[in-house]
Amino acid sequence: MGALLYYLVVAMLRIVYKLAIDQQRKGHMTQTYMQWNQSITQVAMFSKLNCMLSQNN
């Protein structure tokens, strides 16, 4: 279960990084920051959920 979470986080970070580069080219830094923030929040929420599920098992 831990490995799955690791791969998910890595995949999300790759997507966010790609988004950040695309946005930088267009010059929308605020939007990039907001997307980055949102993604981190989603990862944190998923981690919390994963911990709760692991404790139940």
PDB file of N, CA and C in Angstrom:
ATOM      1  N   MET A   1       0.839  -1.202   0.000  1.00  0.00           N
ATOM      2  CA  MET A   1       0.000   0.000   0.000  1.00  0.00           C
ATOM      3  C   MET A   1       0.876   1.255   0.000  1.00  0.00           C
ATOM      4  N   GLY A   2       2.001   1.206   0.712  1.00  0.00           N
ATOM      5  CA  GLY A   2       2.912   2.349   0.762  1.00  0.00           C
ATOM      6  C   GLY A   2       3.515   2.657  -0.598  1.00  0.00           C
ATOM      7  N   ALA A   3       3.843   1.577  -1.343  1.00  0.00           N
ATOM      8  CA  ALA A   3       4.431   1.746  -2.675  1.00  0.00           C
ATOM      9  C   ALA A   3       3.451   2.429  -3.618  1.00  0.00           C
ATOM     10  N   LEU A   4       2.187   2.055  -3.512  1.00  0.00           N
ATOM     11  CA  LEU A   4       1.140   2.644  -4.351  1.00  0.00           C
ATOM     12  C   LEU A   4       1.045   4.142  -4.111  1.00  0.00           C
ATOM     13  N   LEU A   5       1.072   4.535  -2.839  1.00  0.00           N
ATOM     14  CA  LEU A   5       1.004   5.947  -2.471  1.00  0.00           C
ATOM     15  C   LEU A   5       2.209   6.690  -3.030  1.00  0.00           C
ATOM     16  N   TYR A   6       3.396   6.069  -2.912  1.00  0.00           N
ATOM     17  CA  TYR A   6       4.627   6.687  -3.417  1.00  0.00           C
ATOM     18  C   TYR A   6       4.523   6.966  -4.911  1.00  0.00           C
ATOM     19  N   TYR A   7       4.079   5.959  -5.676  1.00  0.00           N
ATOM     20  CA  TYR A   7       3.953   6.137  -7.128  1.00  0.00           C
ATOM     21  C   TYR A   7       2.923   7.202  -7.483  1.00  0.00           C
ATOM     22  N   LEU A   8       1.837   7.249  -6.713  1.00  0.00           N
ATOM     23  CA  LEU A   8       0.795   8.251  -6.957  1.00  0.00           C
ATOM     24  C   LEU A   8       1.346   9.655  -6.740  1.00  0.00           C
ATOM     25  N   VAL A   9       2.079   9.833  -5.634  1.00  0.00           N
ATOM     26  CA  VAL A   9       2.661  11.140  -5.324  1.00  0.00           C
ATOM     27  C   VAL A   9       3.658  11.548  -6.399  1.00  0.00           C
ATOM     28  N   VAL A  10       4.517  10.620  -6.810  1.00  0.00           N
ATOM     29  CA  VAL A  10       5.508  10.912  -7.853  1.00  0.00           C
ATOM     30  C   VAL A  10       4.811  11.304  -9.155  1.00  0.00           C
ATOM     31  N   ALA A  11       3.775  10.550  -9.520  1.00  0.00           N
ATOM     32  CA  ALA A  11       3.032  10.850 -10.750  1.00  0.00           C
ATOM     33  C   ALA A  11       2.387  12.232 -10.662  1.00  0.00           C
ATOM     34  N   MET A  12       1.801  12.556  -9.508  1.00  0.00           N
ATOM     35  CA  MET A  12       1.161  13.861  -9.328  1.00  0.00           C
ATOM     36  C   MET A  12       2.177  14.989  -9.401  1.00  0.00           C
ATOM     37  N   LEU A  13       3.336  14.773  -8.762  1.00  0.00           N
ATOM     38  CA  LEU A  13       4.374  15.802  -8.782  1.00  0.00           C
ATOM     39  C   LEU A  13       4.873  16.032 -10.208  1.00  0.00           C
ATOM     40  N   ARG A  14       4.982  14.966 -10.996  1.00  0.00           N
ATOM     41  CA  ARG A  14       5.394  15.100 -12.400  1.00  0.00           C
ATOM     42  C   ARG A  14       4.390  15.938 -13.176  1.00  0.00           C
ATOM     43  N   ILE A  15       3.109  15.650 -12.965  1.00  0.00           N
ATOM     44  CA  ILE A  15       2.045  16.393 -13.657  1.00  0.00           C
ATOM     45  C   ILE A  15       2.090  17.862 -13.255  1.00  0.00           C
ATOM     46  N   VAL A  16       2.228  18.108 -11.949  1.00  0.00           N
ATOM     47  CA  VAL A  16       2.272  19.482 -11.446  1.00  0.00           C
ATOM     48  C   VAL A  16       3.490  20.216 -12.003  1.00  0.00           C
ATOM     49  N   TYR A  17       4.626  19.520 -12.040  1.00  0.00           N
ATOM     50  CA  TYR A  17       5.858  20.116 -12.561  1.00  0.00           C
ATOM     51  C   TYR A  17       5.691  20.506 -14.026  1.00  0.00           C
ATOM     52  N   LYS A  18       5.063  19.607 -14.799  1.00  0.00           N
ATOM     53  CA  LYS A  18       4.807  19.883 -16.214  1.00  0.00           C
ATOM     54  C   LYS A  18       3.869  21.084 -16.354  1.00  0.00           C
ATOM     55  N   LEU A  19       2.818  21.114 -15.522  1.00  0.00           N
ATOM     56  CA  LEU A  19       1.896  22.254 -15.526  1.00  0.00           C
ATOM     57  C   LEU A  19       2.634  23.544 -15.209  1.00  0.00           C
ATOM     58  N   ALA A  20       3.517  23.487 -14.219  1.00  0.00           N
ATOM     59  CA  ALA A  20       4.271  24.673 -13.811  1.00  0.00           C
ATOM     60  C   ALA A  20       5.122  25.199 -14.967  1.00  0.00           C
ATOM     61  N   ILE A  21       5.782  24.293 -15.690  1.00  0.00           N
ATOM     62  CA  ILE A  21       6.616  24.702 -16.828  1.00  0.00           C
ATOM     63  C   ILE A  21       5.750  25.310 -17.928  1.00  0.00           C
ATOM     64  N   ASP A  22       4.619  24.652 -18.239  1.00  0.00           N
ATOM     65  CA  ASP A  22       3.705  25.173 -19.263  1.00  0.00           C
ATOM     66  C   ASP A  22       3.200  26.558 -18.887  1.00  0.00           C
ATOM     67  N   GLN A  23       2.841  26.728 -17.616  1.00  0.00           N
ATOM     68  CA  GLN A  23       2.318  28.007 -17.161  1.00  0.00           C
ATOM     69  C   GLN A  23       3.387  29.091 -17.180  1.00  0.00           C
ATOM     70  N   GLN A  24       4.619  28.724 -16.834  1.00  0.00           N
ATOM     71  CA  GLN A  24       5.718  29.682 -16.836  1.00  0.00           C
ATOM     72  C   GLN A  24       5.945  30.232 -18.235  1.00  0.00           C
ATOM     73  N   ARG A  25       5.832  29.359 -19.222  1.00  0.00           N
ATOM     74  CA  ARG A  25       6.014  29.788 -20.615  1.00  0.00           C
ATOM     75  C   ARG A  25       4.972  30.832 -20.988  1.00  0.00           C
ATOM     76  N   LYS A  26       3.765  30.651 -20.457  1.00  0.00           N
ATOM     77  CA  LYS A  26       2.681  31.594 -20.747  1.00  0.00           C
ATOM     78  C   LYS A  26       2.740  32.807 -19.820  1.00  0.00           C
ATOM     79  N   GLY A  27       3.460  32.665 -18.690  1.00  0.00           N
ATOM     80  CA  GLY A  27       3.619  33.780 -17.761  1.00  0.00           C
ATOM     81  C   GLY A  27       2.490  33.921 -16.753  1.00  0.00           C
ATOM     82  N   HIS A  28       1.812  32.824 -16.450  1.00  0.00           N
ATOM     83  CA  HIS A  28       0.722  32.886 -15.466  1.00  0.00           C
ATOM     84  C   HIS A  28       1.202  32.277 -14.150  1.00  0.00           C
ATOM     85  N   MET A  29       2.079  32.975 -13.464  1.00  0.00           N
ATOM     86  CA  MET A  29       2.680  32.418 -12.254  1.00  0.00           C
ATOM     87  C   MET A  29       1.668  32.206 -11.124  1.00  0.00           C
ATOM     88  N   THR A  30       0.712  33.124 -10.985  1.00  0.00           N
ATOM     89  CA  THR A  30      -0.277  33.017  -9.907  1.00  0.00           C
ATOM     90  C   THR A  30      -1.109  31.754 -10.082  1.00  0.00           C
ATOM     91  N   GLN A  31      -1.516  31.500 -11.320  1.00  0.00           N
ATOM     92  CA  GLN A  31      -2.325  30.316 -11.617  1.00  0.00           C
ATOM     93  C   GLN A  31      -1.521  29.047 -11.320  1.00  0.00           C
ATOM     94  N   THR A  32      -0.240  29.060 -11.687  1.00  0.00           N
ATOM     95  CA  THR A  32       0.639  27.913 -11.424  1.00  0.00           C
ATOM     96  C   THR A  32       0.722  27.654  -9.935  1.00  0.00           C
ATOM     97  N   TYR A  33       0.919  28.728  -9.173  1.00  0.00           N
ATOM     98  CA  TYR A  33       1.025  28.599  -7.713  1.00  0.00           C
ATOM     99  C   TYR A  33      -0.248  28.001  -7.126  1.00  0.00           C
ATOM    100  N   MET A  34      -1.396  28.465  -7.619  1.00  0.00           N
ATOM    101  CA  MET A  34      -2.676  27.963  -7.124  1.00  0.00           C
ATOM    102  C   MET A  34      -2.852  26.484  -7.459  1.00  0.00           C
ATOM    103  N   GLN A  35      -2.477  26.086  -8.682  1.00  0.00           N
ATOM    104  CA  GLN A  35      -2.582  24.682  -9.086  1.00  0.00           C
ATOM    105  C   GLN A  35      -1.658  23.822  -8.226  1.00  0.00           C
ATOM    106  N   TRP A  36      -0.449  24.328  -7.979  1.00  0.00           N
ATOM    107  CA  TRP A  36       0.543  23.626  -7.167  1.00  0.00           C
ATOM    108  C   TRP A  36      -0.007  23.424  -5.758  1.00  0.00           C
ATOM    109  N   ASN A  37      -0.554  24.493  -5.193  1.00  0.00           N
ATOM    110  CA  ASN A  37      -1.131  24.473  -3.856  1.00  0.00           C
ATOM    111  C   ASN A  37      -2.261  23.449  -3.764  1.00  0.00           C
ATOM    112  N   GLN A  38      -3.130  23.463  -4.766  1.00  0.00           N
ATOM    113  CA  GLN A  38      -4.274  22.560  -4.818  1.00  0.00           C
ATOM    114  C   GLN A  38      -3.807  21.101  -4.875  1.00  0.00           C
ATOM    115  N   SER A  39      -2.790  20.838  -5.679  1.00  0.00           N
ATOM    116  CA  SER A  39      -2.271  19.481  -5.823  1.00  0.00           C
ATOM    117  C   SER A  39      -1.665  18.981  -4.520  1.00  0.00           C
ATOM    118  N   ILE A  40      -0.906  19.851  -3.843  1.00  0.00           N
ATOM    119  CA  ILE A  40      -0.306  19.475  -2.559  1.00  0.00           C
ATOM    120  C   ILE A  40      -1.398  19.146  -1.551  1.00  0.00           C
ATOM    121  N   THR A  41      -2.460  19.950  -1.543  1.00  0.00           N
ATOM    122  CA  THR A  41      -3.594  19.725  -0.639  1.00  0.00           C
ATOM    123  C   THR A  41      -4.228  18.364  -0.925  1.00  0.00           C
ATOM    124  N   GLN A  42      -4.394  18.052  -2.218  1.00  0.00           N
ATOM    125  CA  GLN A  42      -4.991  16.768  -2.606  1.00  0.00           C
ATOM    126  C   GLN A  42      -4.112  15.606  -2.173  1.00  0.00           C
ATOM    127  N   VAL A  43      -2.793  15.741  -2.335  1.00  0.00           N
ATOM    128  CA  VAL A  43      -1.872  14.682  -1.917  1.00  0.00           C
ATOM    129  C   VAL A  43      -1.949  14.497  -0.401  1.00  0.00           C
ATOM    130  N   ALA A  44      -1.977  15.610   0.326  1.00  0.00           N
ATOM    131  CA  ALA A  44      -2.061  15.550   1.789  1.00  0.00           C
ATOM    132  C   ALA A  44      -3.347  14.855   2.230  1.00  0.00           C
ATOM    133  N   MET A  45      -4.457  15.205   1.580  1.00  0.00           N
ATOM    134  CA  MET A  45      -5.745  14.591   1.904  1.00  0.00           C
ATOM    135  C   MET A  45      -5.712  13.098   1.602  1.00  0.00           C
ATOM    136  N   PHE A  46      -5.118  12.734   0.466  1.00  0.00           N
ATOM    137  CA  PHE A  46      -5.035  11.321   0.094  1.00  0.00           C
ATOM    138  C   PHE A  46      -4.158  10.549   1.080  1.00  0.00           C
ATOM    139  N   SER A  47      -3.061  11.176   1.512  1.00  0.00           N
ATOM    140  CA  SER A  47      -2.169  10.546   2.489  1.00  0.00           C
ATOM    141  C   SER A  47      -2.906  10.278   3.792  1.00  0.00           C
ATOM    142  N   LYS A  48      -3.682  11.271   4.214  1.00  0.00           N
ATOM    143  CA  LYS A  48      -4.455  11.150   5.448  1.00  0.00           C
ATOM    144  C   LYS A  48      -5.458  10.000   5.327  1.00  0.00           C
ATOM    145  N   LEU A  49      -6.141   9.959   4.191  1.00  0.00           N
ATOM    146  CA  LEU A  49      -7.118   8.909   3.917  1.00  0.00           C
ATOM    147  C   LEU A  49      -6.436   7.545   3.921  1.00  0.00           C
ATOM    148  N   ASN A  50      -5.269   7.470   3.286  1.00  0.00           N
ATOM    149  CA  ASN A  50      -4.509   6.231   3.205  1.00  0.00           C
ATOM    150  C   ASN A  50      -4.092   5.737   4.594  1.00  0.00           C
ATOM    151  N   CYS A  51      -3.664   6.671   5.443  1.00  0.00           N
ATOM    152  CA  CYS A  51      -3.281   6.323   6.817  1.00  0.00           C
ATOM    153  C   CYS A  51      -4.473   5.759   7.577  1.00  0.00           C
ATOM    154  N   MET A  52      -5.632   6.395   7.404  1.00  0.00           N
ATOM    155  CA  MET A  52      -6.841   5.944   8.082  1.00  0.00           C
ATOM    156  C   MET A  52      -7.226   4.536   7.625  1.00  0.00           C
ATOM    157  N   LEU A  53      -7.111   4.288   6.329  1.00  0.00           N
ATOM    158  CA  LEU A  53      -7.437   2.971   5.783  1.00  0.00           C
ATOM    159  C   LEU A  53      -6.460   1.923   6.298  1.00  0.00           C
ATOM    160  N   SER A  54      -5.181   2.280   6.380  1.00  0.00           N
ATOM    161  CA  SER A  54      -4.157   1.350   6.856  1.00  0.00           C
ATOM    162  C   SER A  54      -4.396   0.972   8.312  1.00  0.00           C
ATOM    163  N   GLN A  55      -4.811   1.940   9.125  1.00  0.00           N
ATOM    164  CA  GLN A  55      -5.070   1.686  10.543  1.00  0.00           C
ATOM    165  C   GLN A  55      -6.274   0.750  10.711  1.00  0.00           C
ATOM    166  N   ASN A  56      -7.274   0.897   9.847  1.00  0.00           N
ATOM    167  CA  ASN A  56      -8.474   0.060   9.927  1.00  0.00           C
ATOM    168  C   ASN A  56      -8.167  -1.396   9.598  1.00  0.00           C
ATOM    169  N   ASN A  57      -7.187  -1.610   8.685  1.00  0.00           N
ATOM    170  CA  ASN A  57      -6.898  -2.995   8.267  1.00  0.00           C
ATOM    171  C   ASN A  57      -6.128  -3.708   9.322  1.00  0.00           C
TER     172      ASN A  57
END
